[in-house]
Amino acid sequence: MKIITTKNNGNIYQMDLEEAQEVVEIYAEQNCGGDTRQARSEMTRWVDDLPVRQRVAIRRILAEQSAVCG
C-alpha cells in the first residue's frame, strides 16, 4: 500500500494499486465509454478538479508508472 499526499490540503490517504485501478475503471465507464486510457489521460489533465478519491487514485497510478518507467 502506497501513501499518497494530496496537493491542496496535505492530508494523507492510502490506496493500493488495485483500488486505484477500480476507481479509474469506474470513471472510464461513466465518462469515457469504458476507455481506461482516455480516462487516465482526462484524470491526469483535470487532477486538481477531481473528487478526492479519484485524485488519489490517479496519483497512485501515476506514481506506479513512474516507479516502473524510471
C-alpha atoms as a PDB file:
ATOM      1  CA  MET A   1       0.000   0.000   0.000  1.00  0.00           C
ATOM      2  CA  LYS A   2       1.414   3.357  -1.008  1.00  0.00           C
ATOM      3  CA  ILE A   3       0.746   6.593   0.798  1.00  0.00           C
ATOM      4  CA  ILE A   4      -0.444   9.449  -1.387  1.00  0.00           C
ATOM      5  CA  THR A   5      -0.462  13.045  -0.149  1.00  0.00           C
ATOM      6  CA  THR A   6      -2.985  15.372  -1.712  1.00  0.00           C
ATOM      7  CA  LYS A   7      -1.532  18.553  -3.133  1.00  0.00           C
ATOM      8  CA  ASN A   8      -4.008  21.062  -1.740  1.00  0.00           C
ATOM      9  CA  ASN A   9      -4.595  20.093   1.860  1.00  0.00           C
ATOM     10  CA  GLY A  10      -1.653  17.841   2.717  1.00  0.00           C
ATOM     11  CA  ASN A  11      -3.931  15.095   4.007  1.00  0.00           C
ATOM     12  CA  ILE A  12      -2.600  11.591   3.710  1.00  0.00           C
ATOM     13  CA  TYR A  13      -4.601   8.844   2.029  1.00  0.00           C
ATOM     14  CA  GLN A  14      -3.722   5.232   1.419  1.00  0.00           C
ATOM     15  CA  MET A  15      -4.829   3.354  -1.655  1.00  0.00           C
ATOM     16  CA  ASP A  16      -3.458   0.197  -3.160  1.00  0.00           C
ATOM     17  CA  LEU A  17      -2.995  -0.153  -6.893  1.00  0.00           C
ATOM     18  CA  GLU A  18      -5.969  -2.487  -7.299  1.00  0.00           C
ATOM     19  CA  GLU A  19      -8.357   0.008  -5.729  1.00  0.00           C
ATOM     20  CA  ALA A  20      -6.877   2.829  -7.805  1.00  0.00           C
ATOM     21  CA  GLN A  21      -7.439   0.845 -10.997  1.00  0.00           C
ATOM     22  CA  GLU A  22     -11.047   0.170  -9.982  1.00  0.00           C
ATOM     23  CA  VAL A  23     -11.647   3.899  -9.460  1.00  0.00           C
ATOM     24  CA  VAL A  24     -10.216   4.662 -12.908  1.00  0.00           C
ATOM     25  CA  GLU A  25     -12.330   1.907 -14.486  1.00  0.00           C
ATOM     26  CA  ILE A  26     -15.475   3.374 -12.903  1.00  0.00           C
ATOM     27  CA  TYR A  27     -14.528   6.826 -14.204  1.00  0.00           C
ATOM     28  CA  ALA A  28     -13.929   5.308 -17.646  1.00  0.00           C
ATOM     29  CA  GLU A  29     -17.336   3.635 -17.680  1.00  0.00           C
ATOM     30  CA  GLN A  30     -19.105   6.807 -16.590  1.00  0.00           C
ATOM     31  CA  ASN A  31     -17.239   9.334 -18.731  1.00  0.00           C
ATOM     32  CA  CYS A  32     -15.229   7.677 -21.492  1.00  0.00           C
ATOM     33  CA  GLY A  33     -17.275   4.790 -22.858  1.00  0.00           C
ATOM     34  CA  GLY A  34     -15.110   2.325 -20.956  1.00  0.00           C
ATOM     35  CA  ASP A  35     -11.803   3.542 -22.421  1.00  0.00           C
ATOM     36  CA  THR A  36      -9.396   3.446 -19.473  1.00  0.00           C
ATOM     37  CA  ARG A  37      -6.557   5.020 -21.454  1.00  0.00           C
ATOM     38  CA  GLN A  38      -8.715   8.057 -22.194  1.00  0.00           C
ATOM     39  CA  ALA A  39      -9.874   8.089 -18.563  1.00  0.00           C
ATOM     40  CA  ARG A  40      -6.279   8.162 -17.288  1.00  0.00           C
ATOM     41  CA  SER A  41      -5.493  10.988 -19.700  1.00  0.00           C
ATOM     42  CA  GLU A  42      -8.519  13.052 -18.644  1.00  0.00           C
ATOM     43  CA  MET A  43      -7.990  12.386 -14.960  1.00  0.00           C
ATOM     44  CA  THR A  44      -4.345  13.426 -15.233  1.00  0.00           C
ATOM     45  CA  ARG A  45      -5.292  16.625 -17.044  1.00  0.00           C
ATOM     46  CA  TRP A  46      -8.021  17.560 -14.542  1.00  0.00           C
ATOM     47  CA  VAL A  47      -6.496  16.083 -11.384  1.00  0.00           C
ATOM     48  CA  ASP A  48      -6.969  19.222  -9.280  1.00  0.00           C
ATOM     49  CA  ASP A  49     -10.682  19.350 -10.133  1.00  0.00           C
ATOM     50  CA  LEU A  50     -11.434  15.707  -9.313  1.00  0.00           C
ATOM     51  CA  PRO A  51     -13.073  14.456  -6.124  1.00  0.00           C
ATOM     52  CA  VAL A  52     -10.515  13.315  -3.545  1.00  0.00           C
ATOM     53  CA  ARG A  53     -10.939   9.574  -4.163  1.00  0.00           C
ATOM     54  CA  GLN A  54     -10.387   9.962  -7.903  1.00  0.00           C
ATOM     55  CA  ARG A  55      -7.483  12.348  -7.311  1.00  0.00           C
ATOM     56  CA  VAL A  56      -5.774   9.871  -5.012  1.00  0.00           C
ATOM     57  CA  ALA A  57      -6.411   7.038  -7.480  1.00  0.00           C
ATOM     58  CA  ILE A  58      -4.857   8.765 -10.477  1.00  0.00           C
ATOM     59  CA  ARG A  59      -1.886   9.942  -8.412  1.00  0.00           C
ATOM     60  CA  ARG A  60      -1.406   6.372  -7.177  1.00  0.00           C
ATOM     61  CA  ILE A  61      -1.396   5.079 -10.747  1.00  0.00           C
ATOM     62  CA  LEU A  62       0.980   7.821 -11.901  1.00  0.00           C
ATOM     63  CA  ALA A  63       3.323   7.010  -9.005  1.00  0.00           C
ATOM     64  CA  GLU A  64       3.303   3.338 -10.028  1.00  0.00           C
ATOM     65  CA  GLN A  65       4.040   4.214 -13.671  1.00  0.00           C
ATOM     66  CA  SER A  66       6.882   6.460 -12.579  1.00  0.00           C
ATOM     67  CA  ALA A  67       8.380   3.684 -10.467  1.00  0.00           C
ATOM     68  CA  VAL A  68       8.167   1.185 -13.338  1.00  0.00           C
ATOM     69  CA  CYS A  69       9.370   3.524 -16.084  1.00  0.00           C
ATOM     70  CA  GLY A  70      12.147   5.186 -14.404  1.00  0.00           C
END
